[in-house]
Amino acid sequence: MTSLQLTVPSMACSACAETITKAVQTIDPEAKVEANPKTKRVAIETQAPQESVAQAITAAGYLIS
């Protein structure tokens, strides 16, 4: 398991957090995702490489800073 901490400035609400969670779980169904719209932080525990996770989030329409 890899722990990732990402900042997603465009995540504005719980629906955004849910979209990001679903995007990550499409590449790793077992991933644990904690997305916090207030802090713009996403904590992810996954088997997938960081590049794949970042691509999934970007494909869902969110930029990572």
N, C-alpha and C. Protein backbone atom coordinates (compact mmCIF):
# COMPACT_ATOMS: atom_id res chain seq x y z
N MET A 1 0.85 -1.20 0.00
CA MET A 1 0.00 0.00 0.00
C MET A 1 0.88 1.24 0.00
N THR A 2 0.49 2.18 -0.81
CA THR A 2 1.18 3.46 -0.87
C THR A 2 0.25 4.52 -0.32
N SER A 3 0.78 5.44 0.48
CA SER A 3 -0.01 6.56 0.99
C SER A 3 0.35 7.79 0.18
N LEU A 4 -0.66 8.43 -0.38
CA LEU A 4 -0.46 9.64 -1.17
C LEU A 4 -1.19 10.80 -0.51
N GLN A 5 -0.60 11.97 -0.56
CA GLN A 5 -1.25 13.20 -0.10
C GLN A 5 -1.24 14.17 -1.28
N LEU A 6 -2.41 14.49 -1.79
CA LEU A 6 -2.49 15.37 -2.95
C LEU A 6 -3.32 16.60 -2.61
N THR A 7 -3.02 17.71 -3.27
CA THR A 7 -3.81 18.93 -3.13
C THR A 7 -4.57 19.14 -4.42
N VAL A 8 -5.89 19.30 -4.29
CA VAL A 8 -6.76 19.49 -5.45
C VAL A 8 -7.51 20.81 -5.25
N PRO A 9 -6.93 21.93 -5.74
CA PRO A 9 -7.50 23.26 -5.47
C PRO A 9 -8.93 23.44 -5.97
N SER A 10 -9.33 22.72 -7.02
CA SER A 10 -10.67 22.93 -7.58
C SER A 10 -11.75 22.08 -6.90
N MET A 11 -11.39 21.29 -5.90
CA MET A 11 -12.38 20.50 -5.17
C MET A 11 -13.15 21.45 -4.24
N ALA A 12 -14.44 21.62 -4.53
CA ALA A 12 -15.19 22.66 -3.81
C ALA A 12 -16.25 22.12 -2.85
N CYS A 13 -16.69 20.87 -3.05
CA CYS A 13 -17.81 20.39 -2.24
C CYS A 13 -17.74 18.88 -2.08
N SER A 14 -18.68 18.33 -1.35
CA SER A 14 -18.67 16.90 -1.11
C SER A 14 -18.92 16.11 -2.40
N ALA A 15 -19.65 16.69 -3.35
CA ALA A 15 -19.86 16.00 -4.63
C ALA A 15 -18.54 15.89 -5.38
N CYS A 16 -17.71 16.93 -5.30
CA CYS A 16 -16.37 16.87 -5.91
C CYS A 16 -15.56 15.77 -5.25
N ALA A 17 -15.60 15.71 -3.94
CA ALA A 17 -14.86 14.69 -3.20
C ALA A 17 -15.31 13.29 -3.61
N GLU A 18 -16.61 13.13 -3.81
CA GLU A 18 -17.16 11.83 -4.21
C GLU A 18 -16.69 11.46 -5.62
N THR A 19 -16.67 12.44 -6.52
CA THR A 19 -16.21 12.20 -7.89
C THR A 19 -14.75 11.77 -7.89
N ILE A 20 -13.93 12.44 -7.08
CA ILE A 20 -12.51 12.10 -6.99
C ILE A 20 -12.34 10.70 -6.41
N THR A 21 -13.11 10.38 -5.38
CA THR A 21 -13.05 9.05 -4.77
C THR A 21 -13.38 7.98 -5.80
N LYS A 22 -14.46 8.19 -6.56
CA LYS A 22 -14.87 7.21 -7.58
C LYS A 22 -13.81 7.08 -8.66
N ALA A 23 -13.18 8.20 -9.05
CA ALA A 23 -12.14 8.16 -10.08
C ALA A 23 -10.97 7.30 -9.63
N VAL A 24 -10.55 7.48 -8.39
CA VAL A 24 -9.43 6.68 -7.86
C VAL A 24 -9.83 5.21 -7.76
N GLN A 25 -11.05 4.96 -7.33
CA GLN A 25 -11.49 3.57 -7.15
C GLN A 25 -11.75 2.85 -8.46
N THR A 26 -11.81 3.56 -9.58
CA THR A 26 -11.93 2.87 -10.86
C THR A 26 -10.62 2.18 -11.21
N ILE A 27 -9.48 2.74 -10.77
CA ILE A 27 -8.20 2.09 -11.05
C ILE A 27 -7.76 1.17 -9.91
N ASP A 28 -8.27 1.41 -8.71
CA ASP A 28 -7.97 0.53 -7.56
C ASP A 28 -9.21 0.47 -6.67
N PRO A 29 -10.06 -0.54 -6.90
CA PRO A 29 -11.32 -0.65 -6.13
C PRO A 29 -11.10 -0.76 -4.62
N GLU A 30 -9.91 -1.18 -4.20
CA GLU A 30 -9.62 -1.34 -2.78
C GLU A 30 -9.04 -0.07 -2.15
N ALA A 31 -8.84 0.97 -2.94
CA ALA A 31 -8.22 2.20 -2.44
C ALA A 31 -9.07 2.84 -1.36
N LYS A 32 -8.40 3.40 -0.36
CA LYS A 32 -9.08 4.17 0.68
C LYS A 32 -8.80 5.64 0.36
N VAL A 33 -9.87 6.41 0.20
CA VAL A 33 -9.74 7.81 -0.20
C VAL A 33 -10.44 8.69 0.83
N GLU A 34 -9.73 9.69 1.32
CA GLU A 34 -10.32 10.69 2.20
C GLU A 34 -10.10 12.04 1.55
N ALA A 35 -11.17 12.59 0.99
CA ALA A 35 -11.10 13.87 0.31
C ALA A 35 -11.78 14.93 1.17
N ASN A 36 -11.08 16.03 1.43
CA ASN A 36 -11.61 17.09 2.29
C ASN A 36 -11.71 18.38 1.48
N PRO A 37 -12.94 18.75 1.06
CA PRO A 37 -13.11 19.97 0.26
C PRO A 37 -12.65 21.25 0.98
N LYS A 38 -12.73 21.27 2.30
CA LYS A 38 -12.33 22.48 3.03
C LYS A 38 -10.83 22.73 2.95
N THR A 39 -10.05 21.67 3.07
CA THR A 39 -8.59 21.83 3.04
C THR A 39 -8.02 21.61 1.64
N LYS A 40 -8.87 21.11 0.73
CA LYS A 40 -8.46 20.79 -0.65
C LYS A 40 -7.46 19.65 -0.70
N ARG A 41 -7.40 18.85 0.36
CA ARG A 41 -6.45 17.74 0.44
C ARG A 41 -7.15 16.40 0.21
N VAL A 42 -6.43 15.50 -0.47
CA VAL A 42 -6.93 14.16 -0.69
C VAL A 42 -5.87 13.19 -0.17
N ALA A 43 -6.25 12.36 0.78
CA ALA A 43 -5.36 11.33 1.31
C ALA A 43 -5.81 10.00 0.71
N ILE A 44 -4.87 9.29 0.10
CA ILE A 44 -5.21 8.06 -0.61
C ILE A 44 -4.27 6.94 -0.17
N GLU A 45 -4.83 5.78 0.12
CA GLU A 45 -4.04 4.58 0.35
C GLU A 45 -4.39 3.63 -0.79
N THR A 46 -3.39 3.29 -1.60
CA THR A 46 -3.66 2.54 -2.82
C THR A 46 -2.50 1.65 -3.21
N GLN A 47 -2.79 0.66 -4.03
CA GLN A 47 -1.76 -0.18 -4.63
C GLN A 47 -1.30 0.42 -5.96
N ALA A 48 -2.09 1.34 -6.51
CA ALA A 48 -1.80 1.91 -7.83
C ALA A 48 -0.66 2.92 -7.75
N PRO A 49 0.11 3.06 -8.83
CA PRO A 49 1.18 4.07 -8.85
C PRO A 49 0.60 5.48 -8.80
N GLN A 50 1.37 6.41 -8.23
CA GLN A 50 0.91 7.80 -8.10
C GLN A 50 0.53 8.39 -9.46
N GLU A 51 1.29 8.06 -10.50
CA GLU A 51 0.99 8.61 -11.84
C GLU A 51 -0.42 8.20 -12.29
N SER A 52 -0.80 6.95 -12.03
CA SER A 52 -2.12 6.47 -12.43
C SER A 52 -3.22 7.17 -11.64
N VAL A 53 -2.99 7.36 -10.35
CA VAL A 53 -3.95 8.05 -9.50
C VAL A 53 -4.12 9.49 -9.98
N ALA A 54 -3.02 10.16 -10.24
CA ALA A 54 -3.06 11.55 -10.71
C ALA A 54 -3.79 11.65 -12.05
N GLN A 55 -3.53 10.71 -12.94
CA GLN A 55 -4.21 10.71 -14.24
C GLN A 55 -5.72 10.50 -14.07
N ALA A 56 -6.12 9.63 -13.17
CA ALA A 56 -7.55 9.37 -12.94
C ALA A 56 -8.24 10.61 -12.41
N ILE A 57 -7.60 11.31 -11.48
CA ILE A 57 -8.18 12.54 -10.92
C ILE A 57 -8.25 13.63 -11.99
N THR A 58 -7.19 13.75 -12.78
CA THR A 58 -7.17 14.76 -13.85
C THR A 58 -8.24 14.43 -14.90
N ALA A 59 -8.39 13.16 -15.23
CA ALA A 59 -9.41 12.74 -16.21
C ALA A 59 -10.82 13.04 -15.72
N ALA A 60 -10.99 13.06 -14.37
CA ALA A 60 -12.31 13.38 -13.80
C ALA A 60 -12.56 14.90 -13.80
N GLY A 61 -11.56 15.67 -14.23
CA GLY A 61 -11.75 17.11 -14.38
C GLY A 61 -11.13 17.97 -13.30
N TYR A 62 -10.22 17.40 -12.51
CA TYR A 62 -9.62 18.15 -11.41
C TYR A 62 -8.11 18.26 -11.58
N LEU A 63 -7.58 19.44 -11.38
CA LEU A 63 -6.14 19.64 -11.45
C LEU A 63 -5.53 19.38 -10.09
N ILE A 64 -4.32 18.86 -10.09
CA ILE A 64 -3.59 18.59 -8.86
C ILE A 64 -2.44 19.58 -8.78
N SER A 65 -2.28 20.20 -7.61
CA SER A 65 -1.15 21.14 -7.48
C SER A 65 -0.10 20.58 -6.56
